[in-house]
Amino acid sequence: MPLQAKDADIFSYSFPDTDGNSVALEGFRGKVVVLNFWATWCPPCIKEMPGMQRLREAMQGEPFEIVAINAGESNAAVSAFLLELDTELTFPILLDEQGLSFGTLGLRGLPTTLIYDRSGTKVETVLGGREWDSDKTIQQLKSLL
């Protein structure tokens, strides 16, 4: 389903991955989801990515997922960036090449991260970067499990 209504169920959306496959966010329902919107030109976005990878590793085996959606850049730009990144990212990287998520989801800047509990309810919106692998953040996310 293309992006439409501002308050629509985020899990009804699909985005392409860097291989061109459509990934339905519905597949993450039932998990705690950290949904991160980012761009390659955004220094705080780049800075927080290794911490997100460490968070994913810390939460391994739990009903948890990080999904990073690049907002407004081409697949070629994102793929080239990922190849140059020092940390290999093993969480899904999806594309919103036209940047529709800004208007549809009301994003005001990057990075913006939406956190959903296992029932699919948004529990927090994080504007700006965060230390995703801090003990405090890991404890907060584990409390949602």
N, C-alpha and C. Protein backbone atom coordinates (compact mmCIF):
# COMPACT_ATOMS: atom_id res chain seq x y z
N MET A 1 0.85 -1.19 0.00
CA MET A 1 0.00 0.00 0.00
C MET A 1 0.89 1.24 0.00
N PRO A 2 0.67 2.16 -0.91
CA PRO A 2 1.47 3.38 -0.90
C PRO A 2 1.14 4.23 0.32
N LEU A 3 2.05 5.10 0.66
CA LEU A 3 1.83 5.98 1.81
C LEU A 3 0.64 6.89 1.51
N GLN A 4 -0.27 7.00 2.49
CA GLN A 4 -1.44 7.84 2.29
C GLN A 4 -1.76 8.71 3.50
N ALA A 5 -2.46 8.16 4.47
CA ALA A 5 -2.97 8.97 5.57
C ALA A 5 -1.96 9.08 6.70
N LYS A 6 -1.89 10.28 7.30
CA LYS A 6 -0.91 10.56 8.34
C LYS A 6 -1.01 9.60 9.52
N ASP A 7 -2.21 9.21 9.92
CA ASP A 7 -2.38 8.35 11.08
C ASP A 7 -2.67 6.91 10.70
N ALA A 8 -2.39 6.55 9.48
CA ALA A 8 -2.65 5.18 9.02
C ALA A 8 -1.76 4.20 9.76
N ASP A 9 -2.16 2.96 9.77
CA ASP A 9 -1.40 1.88 10.39
C ASP A 9 -0.08 1.70 9.66
N ILE A 10 1.03 1.96 10.33
CA ILE A 10 2.34 1.86 9.71
C ILE A 10 2.59 0.46 9.15
N PHE A 11 1.97 -0.55 9.76
CA PHE A 11 2.20 -1.92 9.34
C PHE A 11 1.47 -2.27 8.04
N SER A 12 0.70 -1.33 7.51
CA SER A 12 0.04 -1.57 6.22
C SER A 12 0.92 -1.12 5.05
N TYR A 13 2.07 -0.50 5.34
CA TYR A 13 2.96 0.00 4.29
C TYR A 13 3.96 -1.04 3.83
N SER A 14 4.40 -0.87 2.60
CA SER A 14 5.48 -1.67 2.03
C SER A 14 6.51 -0.71 1.42
N PHE A 15 7.76 -1.11 1.50
CA PHE A 15 8.85 -0.34 0.92
C PHE A 15 9.78 -1.31 0.20
N PRO A 16 10.44 -0.88 -0.88
CA PRO A 16 11.43 -1.75 -1.52
C PRO A 16 12.72 -1.78 -0.70
N ASP A 17 13.41 -2.92 -0.77
CA ASP A 17 14.74 -2.99 -0.18
C ASP A 17 15.77 -2.67 -1.27
N THR A 18 17.03 -2.72 -0.94
CA THR A 18 18.06 -2.34 -1.91
C THR A 18 18.22 -3.36 -3.04
N ASP A 19 17.59 -4.53 -2.89
CA ASP A 19 17.59 -5.52 -3.97
C ASP A 19 16.35 -5.40 -4.85
N GLY A 20 15.48 -4.44 -4.53
CA GLY A 20 14.28 -4.23 -5.33
C GLY A 20 13.08 -5.06 -4.89
N ASN A 21 13.22 -5.82 -3.81
CA ASN A 21 12.10 -6.62 -3.30
C ASN A 21 11.21 -5.76 -2.42
N SER A 22 9.91 -5.91 -2.56
CA SER A 22 8.97 -5.19 -1.72
C SER A 22 8.91 -5.86 -0.35
N VAL A 23 9.08 -5.07 0.70
CA VAL A 23 9.05 -5.58 2.07
C VAL A 23 7.86 -4.95 2.77
N ALA A 24 6.91 -5.79 3.16
CA ALA A 24 5.72 -5.32 3.88
C ALA A 24 6.06 -5.21 5.36
N LEU A 25 5.80 -4.04 5.94
CA LEU A 25 6.05 -3.87 7.37
C LEU A 25 5.15 -4.80 8.20
N GLU A 26 4.09 -5.30 7.59
CA GLU A 26 3.20 -6.27 8.25
C GLU A 26 4.00 -7.46 8.79
N GLY A 27 5.08 -7.82 8.11
CA GLY A 27 5.90 -8.94 8.53
C GLY A 27 6.59 -8.73 9.87
N PHE A 28 6.61 -7.49 10.36
CA PHE A 28 7.24 -7.19 11.65
C PHE A 28 6.23 -7.06 12.78
N ARG A 29 4.95 -7.19 12.47
CA ARG A 29 3.92 -7.10 13.50
C ARG A 29 4.15 -8.20 14.53
N GLY A 30 3.90 -7.88 15.80
CA GLY A 30 4.13 -8.84 16.87
C GLY A 30 5.52 -8.70 17.49
N LYS A 31 6.33 -7.82 16.92
CA LYS A 31 7.66 -7.55 17.46
C LYS A 31 7.72 -6.12 17.97
N VAL A 32 8.66 -5.84 18.85
CA VAL A 32 9.00 -4.46 19.16
C VAL A 32 9.79 -3.97 17.95
N VAL A 33 9.36 -2.85 17.36
CA VAL A 33 9.98 -2.36 16.12
C VAL A 33 10.53 -0.96 16.35
N VAL A 34 11.80 -0.80 16.00
CA VAL A 34 12.45 0.51 15.97
C VAL A 34 12.53 0.87 14.49
N LEU A 35 11.69 1.83 14.07
CA LEU A 35 11.57 2.22 12.67
C LEU A 35 12.28 3.55 12.49
N ASN A 36 13.45 3.50 11.86
CA ASN A 36 14.34 4.65 11.76
C ASN A 36 14.32 5.22 10.34
N PHE A 37 14.07 6.52 10.24
CA PHE A 37 14.12 7.23 8.96
C PHE A 37 15.42 8.03 8.92
N TRP A 38 16.16 7.89 7.83
CA TRP A 38 17.52 8.43 7.77
C TRP A 38 17.90 8.81 6.34
N ALA A 39 19.08 9.42 6.20
CA ALA A 39 19.64 9.74 4.88
C ALA A 39 21.16 9.68 4.96
N THR A 40 21.78 9.45 3.82
CA THR A 40 23.24 9.32 3.77
C THR A 40 23.95 10.66 4.01
N TRP A 41 23.27 11.78 3.78
CA TRP A 41 23.86 13.11 3.94
C TRP A 41 23.69 13.65 5.36
N CYS A 42 23.07 12.87 6.24
CA CYS A 42 22.70 13.31 7.59
C CYS A 42 23.72 12.79 8.61
N PRO A 43 24.63 13.65 9.12
CA PRO A 43 25.66 13.19 10.06
C PRO A 43 25.10 12.45 11.30
N PRO A 44 24.04 12.95 11.97
CA PRO A 44 23.54 12.19 13.12
C PRO A 44 22.99 10.81 12.74
N CYS A 45 22.45 10.71 11.52
CA CYS A 45 21.94 9.42 11.04
C CYS A 45 23.09 8.41 10.92
N ILE A 46 24.17 8.86 10.32
CA ILE A 46 25.33 8.00 10.10
C ILE A 46 25.95 7.61 11.44
N LYS A 47 26.03 8.57 12.35
CA LYS A 47 26.65 8.33 13.65
C LYS A 47 25.91 7.26 14.45
N GLU A 48 24.57 7.23 14.34
CA GLU A 48 23.81 6.29 15.17
C GLU A 48 23.71 4.89 14.59
N MET A 49 24.07 4.70 13.34
CA MET A 49 23.91 3.38 12.71
C MET A 49 24.72 2.26 13.39
N PRO A 50 26.01 2.46 13.71
CA PRO A 50 26.72 1.37 14.40
C PRO A 50 26.07 0.99 15.74
N GLY A 51 25.55 1.97 16.47
CA GLY A 51 24.86 1.69 17.73
C GLY A 51 23.59 0.90 17.50
N MET A 52 22.91 1.17 16.40
CA MET A 52 21.71 0.39 16.06
C MET A 52 22.08 -1.06 15.79
N GLN A 53 23.20 -1.26 15.10
CA GLN A 53 23.65 -2.63 14.83
C GLN A 53 23.98 -3.35 16.15
N ARG A 54 24.65 -2.65 17.06
CA ARG A 54 24.97 -3.27 18.37
C ARG A 54 23.70 -3.54 19.16
N LEU A 55 22.71 -2.65 19.06
CA LEU A 55 21.42 -2.88 19.71
C LEU A 55 20.76 -4.14 19.15
N ARG A 56 20.77 -4.27 17.84
CA ARG A 56 20.16 -5.46 17.23
C ARG A 56 20.84 -6.72 17.74
N GLU A 57 22.16 -6.69 17.85
CA GLU A 57 22.90 -7.84 18.35
C GLU A 57 22.55 -8.12 19.82
N ALA A 58 22.39 -7.06 20.62
CA ALA A 58 22.04 -7.22 22.03
C ALA A 58 20.64 -7.81 22.20
N MET A 59 19.76 -7.57 21.23
CA MET A 59 18.38 -8.03 21.32
C MET A 59 18.14 -9.32 20.52
N GLN A 60 19.21 -9.91 20.02
CA GLN A 60 19.10 -11.12 19.21
C GLN A 60 18.32 -12.20 19.97
N GLY A 61 17.43 -12.87 19.25
CA GLY A 61 16.63 -13.93 19.84
C GLY A 61 15.33 -13.44 20.45
N GLU A 62 15.16 -12.13 20.53
CA GLU A 62 13.94 -11.52 21.07
C GLU A 62 13.00 -11.15 19.92
N PRO A 63 11.70 -10.99 20.21
CA PRO A 63 10.78 -10.51 19.17
C PRO A 63 10.99 -9.00 18.96
N PHE A 64 12.04 -8.67 18.23
CA PHE A 64 12.51 -7.30 18.09
C PHE A 64 13.11 -7.13 16.70
N GLU A 65 12.92 -5.93 16.13
CA GLU A 65 13.58 -5.63 14.86
C GLU A 65 13.79 -4.14 14.72
N ILE A 66 14.91 -3.82 14.09
CA ILE A 66 15.21 -2.46 13.65
C ILE A 66 14.97 -2.45 12.14
N VAL A 67 14.27 -1.45 11.67
CA VAL A 67 14.06 -1.28 10.23
C VAL A 67 14.46 0.16 9.91
N ALA A 68 15.42 0.33 9.02
CA ALA A 68 15.89 1.65 8.64
C ALA A 68 15.37 1.98 7.25
N ILE A 69 14.65 3.09 7.15
CA ILE A 69 14.07 3.50 5.87
C ILE A 69 14.76 4.79 5.43
N ASN A 70 15.47 4.69 4.31
CA ASN A 70 16.13 5.87 3.77
C ASN A 70 15.07 6.75 3.12
N ALA A 71 15.07 8.01 3.47
CA ALA A 71 14.05 8.94 3.00
C ALA A 71 14.61 9.87 1.93
N GLY A 72 14.19 9.64 0.68
CA GLY A 72 14.44 10.60 -0.38
C GLY A 72 15.67 10.40 -1.24
N GLU A 73 16.35 9.25 -1.12
CA GLU A 73 17.54 9.04 -1.93
C GLU A 73 17.37 7.80 -2.82
N SER A 74 18.19 7.75 -3.85
CA SER A 74 18.10 6.64 -4.80
C SER A 74 18.71 5.36 -4.22
N ASN A 75 18.29 4.25 -4.78
CA ASN A 75 18.85 2.97 -4.41
C ASN A 75 20.37 2.97 -4.63
N ALA A 76 20.82 3.54 -5.73
CA ALA A 76 22.25 3.57 -6.04
C ALA A 76 23.03 4.32 -4.96
N ALA A 77 22.51 5.46 -4.51
CA ALA A 77 23.18 6.26 -3.47
C ALA A 77 23.24 5.49 -2.15
N VAL A 78 22.13 4.85 -1.79
CA VAL A 78 22.07 4.11 -0.52
C VAL A 78 22.98 2.89 -0.58
N SER A 79 22.94 2.16 -1.67
CA SER A 79 23.78 0.97 -1.82
C SER A 79 25.26 1.33 -1.76
N ALA A 80 25.67 2.40 -2.43
CA ALA A 80 27.07 2.84 -2.40
C ALA A 80 27.47 3.23 -0.98
N PHE A 81 26.60 3.93 -0.28
CA PHE A 81 26.86 4.33 1.11
C PHE A 81 27.06 3.11 2.00
N LEU A 82 26.19 2.12 1.87
CA LEU A 82 26.27 0.93 2.72
C LEU A 82 27.57 0.17 2.49
N LEU A 83 28.07 0.18 1.26
CA LEU A 83 29.34 -0.49 0.96
C LEU A 83 30.52 0.21 1.62
N GLU A 84 30.41 1.52 1.83
CA GLU A 84 31.50 2.30 2.41
C GLU A 84 31.45 2.36 3.94
N LEU A 85 30.33 1.98 4.53
CA LEU A 85 30.17 2.05 5.98
C LEU A 85 31.08 1.05 6.67
N ASP A 86 31.73 1.46 7.74
CA ASP A 86 32.66 0.59 8.46
C ASP A 86 31.96 -0.59 9.14
N THR A 87 30.71 -0.38 9.57
CA THR A 87 29.95 -1.41 10.26
C THR A 87 28.98 -2.06 9.30
N GLU A 88 29.00 -3.39 9.19
CA GLU A 88 28.01 -4.07 8.36
C GLU A 88 26.67 -4.05 9.09
N LEU A 89 25.64 -3.60 8.40
CA LEU A 89 24.30 -3.53 8.98
C LEU A 89 23.52 -4.78 8.57
N THR A 90 23.00 -5.48 9.55
CA THR A 90 22.27 -6.72 9.25
C THR A 90 20.77 -6.55 9.41
N PHE A 91 20.32 -5.37 9.78
CA PHE A 91 18.88 -5.12 9.86
C PHE A 91 18.38 -4.64 8.50
N PRO A 92 17.07 -4.76 8.26
CA PRO A 92 16.53 -4.35 6.96
C PRO A 92 16.75 -2.87 6.66
N ILE A 93 17.23 -2.60 5.45
CA ILE A 93 17.38 -1.23 4.93
C ILE A 93 16.38 -1.11 3.79
N LEU A 94 15.40 -0.23 3.97
CA LEU A 94 14.36 -0.05 2.97
C LEU A 94 14.46 1.35 2.37
N LEU A 95 13.75 1.56 1.27
CA LEU A 95 13.87 2.81 0.52
C LEU A 95 12.53 3.52 0.36
N ASP A 96 12.53 4.80 0.66
CA ASP A 96 11.41 5.70 0.34
C ASP A 96 12.03 6.76 -0.57
N GLU A 97 12.31 6.34 -1.82
CA GLU A 97 13.08 7.18 -2.74
C GLU A 97 12.45 8.55 -2.99
N GLN A 98 11.13 8.63 -2.95
CA GLN A 98 10.47 9.91 -3.22
C GLN A 98 10.26 10.73 -1.95
N GLY A 99 10.64 10.20 -0.79
CA GLY A 99 10.51 10.95 0.46
C GLY A 99 9.07 11.18 0.89
N LEU A 100 8.17 10.30 0.48
CA LEU A 100 6.76 10.47 0.82
C LEU A 100 6.48 10.38 2.31
N SER A 101 7.36 9.73 3.05
CA SER A 101 7.14 9.56 4.48
C SER A 101 7.16 10.89 5.24
N PHE A 102 7.80 11.91 4.68
CA PHE A 102 7.81 13.21 5.36
C PHE A 102 6.39 13.75 5.51
N GLY A 103 5.67 13.82 4.41
CA GLY A 103 4.31 14.35 4.47
C GLY A 103 3.33 13.37 5.08
N THR A 104 3.44 12.12 4.68
CA THR A 104 2.47 11.12 5.11
C THR A 104 2.56 10.82 6.60
N LEU A 105 3.78 10.67 7.11
CA LEU A 105 3.95 10.32 8.51
C LEU A 105 4.26 11.53 9.38
N GLY A 106 4.36 12.70 8.76
CA GLY A 106 4.61 13.92 9.52
C GLY A 106 6.02 14.03 10.04
N LEU A 107 6.98 13.43 9.34
CA LEU A 107 8.37 13.54 9.77
C LEU A 107 8.83 14.98 9.62
N ARG A 108 9.52 15.49 10.64
CA ARG A 108 9.96 16.88 10.62
C ARG A 108 11.44 17.03 10.36
N GLY A 109 12.18 15.94 10.37
CA GLY A 109 13.61 16.00 10.14
C GLY A 109 14.20 14.61 10.25
N LEU A 110 15.50 14.54 10.02
CA LEU A 110 16.19 13.25 10.09
C LEU A 110 17.36 13.36 11.07
N PRO A 111 17.65 12.30 11.77
CA PRO A 111 16.88 11.07 11.84
C PRO A 111 15.62 11.24 12.68
N THR A 112 14.60 10.50 12.32
CA THR A 112 13.40 10.36 13.14
C THR A 112 13.19 8.86 13.31
N THR A 113 12.94 8.46 14.54
CA THR A 113 12.74 7.05 14.84
C THR A 113 11.42 6.87 15.56
N LEU A 114 10.63 5.94 15.06
CA LEU A 114 9.34 5.61 15.66
C LEU A 114 9.49 4.24 16.32
N ILE A 115 9.07 4.15 17.58
CA ILE A 115 9.19 2.89 18.31
C ILE A 115 7.79 2.34 18.55
N TYR A 116 7.60 1.08 18.17
CA TYR A 116 6.30 0.40 18.30
C TYR A 116 6.43 -0.78 19.24
N ASP A 117 5.39 -0.98 20.07
CA ASP A 117 5.38 -2.16 20.93
C ASP A 117 4.88 -3.37 20.16
N ARG A 118 4.80 -4.50 20.82
CA ARG A 118 4.45 -5.75 20.12
C ARG A 118 3.02 -5.74 19.59
N SER A 119 2.16 -4.88 20.14
CA SER A 119 0.78 -4.81 19.64
C SER A 119 0.66 -3.86 18.45
N GLY A 120 1.77 -3.21 18.07
CA GLY A 120 1.75 -2.29 16.93
C GLY A 120 1.40 -0.86 17.31
N THR A 121 1.42 -0.55 18.59
CA THR A 121 1.12 0.79 19.07
C THR A 121 2.41 1.60 19.15
N LYS A 122 2.38 2.80 18.58
CA LYS A 122 3.56 3.67 18.66
C LYS A 122 3.70 4.14 20.10
N VAL A 123 4.87 3.90 20.69
CA VAL A 123 5.10 4.27 22.08
C VAL A 123 6.04 5.46 22.23
N GLU A 124 6.81 5.75 21.17
CA GLU A 124 7.73 6.89 21.27
C GLU A 124 8.14 7.35 19.88
N THR A 125 8.35 8.66 19.76
CA THR A 125 8.95 9.26 18.57
C THR A 125 10.24 9.93 19.03
N VAL A 126 11.34 9.55 18.42
CA VAL A 126 12.64 10.10 18.77
C VAL A 126 13.09 11.00 17.62
N LEU A 127 13.23 12.28 17.90
CA LEU A 127 13.71 13.24 16.91
C LEU A 127 15.19 13.45 17.15
N GLY A 128 16.01 13.24 16.14
CA GLY A 128 17.45 13.37 16.29
C GLY A 128 18.09 12.04 16.65
N GLY A 129 19.40 12.08 16.78
CA GLY A 129 20.16 10.87 17.05
C GLY A 129 20.04 10.41 18.50
N ARG A 130 20.39 9.15 18.71
CA ARG A 130 20.36 8.55 20.05
C ARG A 130 21.47 7.51 20.11
N GLU A 131 21.94 7.26 21.33
CA GLU A 131 22.88 6.16 21.56
C GLU A 131 22.03 4.90 21.74
N TRP A 132 21.79 4.20 20.65
CA TRP A 132 20.84 3.08 20.66
C TRP A 132 21.32 1.88 21.46
N ASP A 133 22.62 1.77 21.67
CA ASP A 133 23.12 0.62 22.42
C ASP A 133 23.44 0.95 23.87
N SER A 134 22.93 2.09 24.37
CA SER A 134 23.15 2.42 25.79
C SER A 134 22.33 1.47 26.66
N ASP A 135 22.80 1.25 27.88
CA ASP A 135 22.08 0.36 28.80
C ASP A 135 20.65 0.84 29.02
N LYS A 136 20.47 2.15 29.15
CA LYS A 136 19.15 2.72 29.39
C LYS A 136 18.19 2.40 28.23
N THR A 137 18.65 2.61 27.00
CA THR A 137 17.80 2.35 25.83
C THR A 137 17.49 0.86 25.71
N ILE A 138 18.49 0.02 25.92
CA ILE A 138 18.25 -1.42 25.84
C ILE A 138 17.23 -1.86 26.90
N GLN A 139 17.35 -1.33 28.11
CA GLN A 139 16.38 -1.66 29.16
C GLN A 139 14.98 -1.18 28.80
N GLN A 140 14.87 0.03 28.25
CA GLN A 140 13.57 0.55 27.84
C GLN A 140 12.92 -0.35 26.79
N LEU A 141 13.71 -0.77 25.81
CA LEU A 141 13.18 -1.61 24.75
C LEU A 141 12.84 -3.02 25.25
N LYS A 142 13.65 -3.55 26.14
CA LYS A 142 13.35 -4.86 26.72
C LYS A 142 12.07 -4.83 27.54
N SER A 143 11.76 -3.68 28.13
CA SER A 143 10.53 -3.57 28.93
C SER A 143 9.28 -3.68 28.04
N LEU A 144 9.44 -3.44 26.73
CA LEU A 144 8.32 -3.52 25.80
C LEU A 144 8.08 -4.96 25.34
N LEU A 145 9.05 -5.85 25.59
CA LEU A 145 8.93 -7.23 25.14
C LEU A 145 7.86 -7.94 25.95
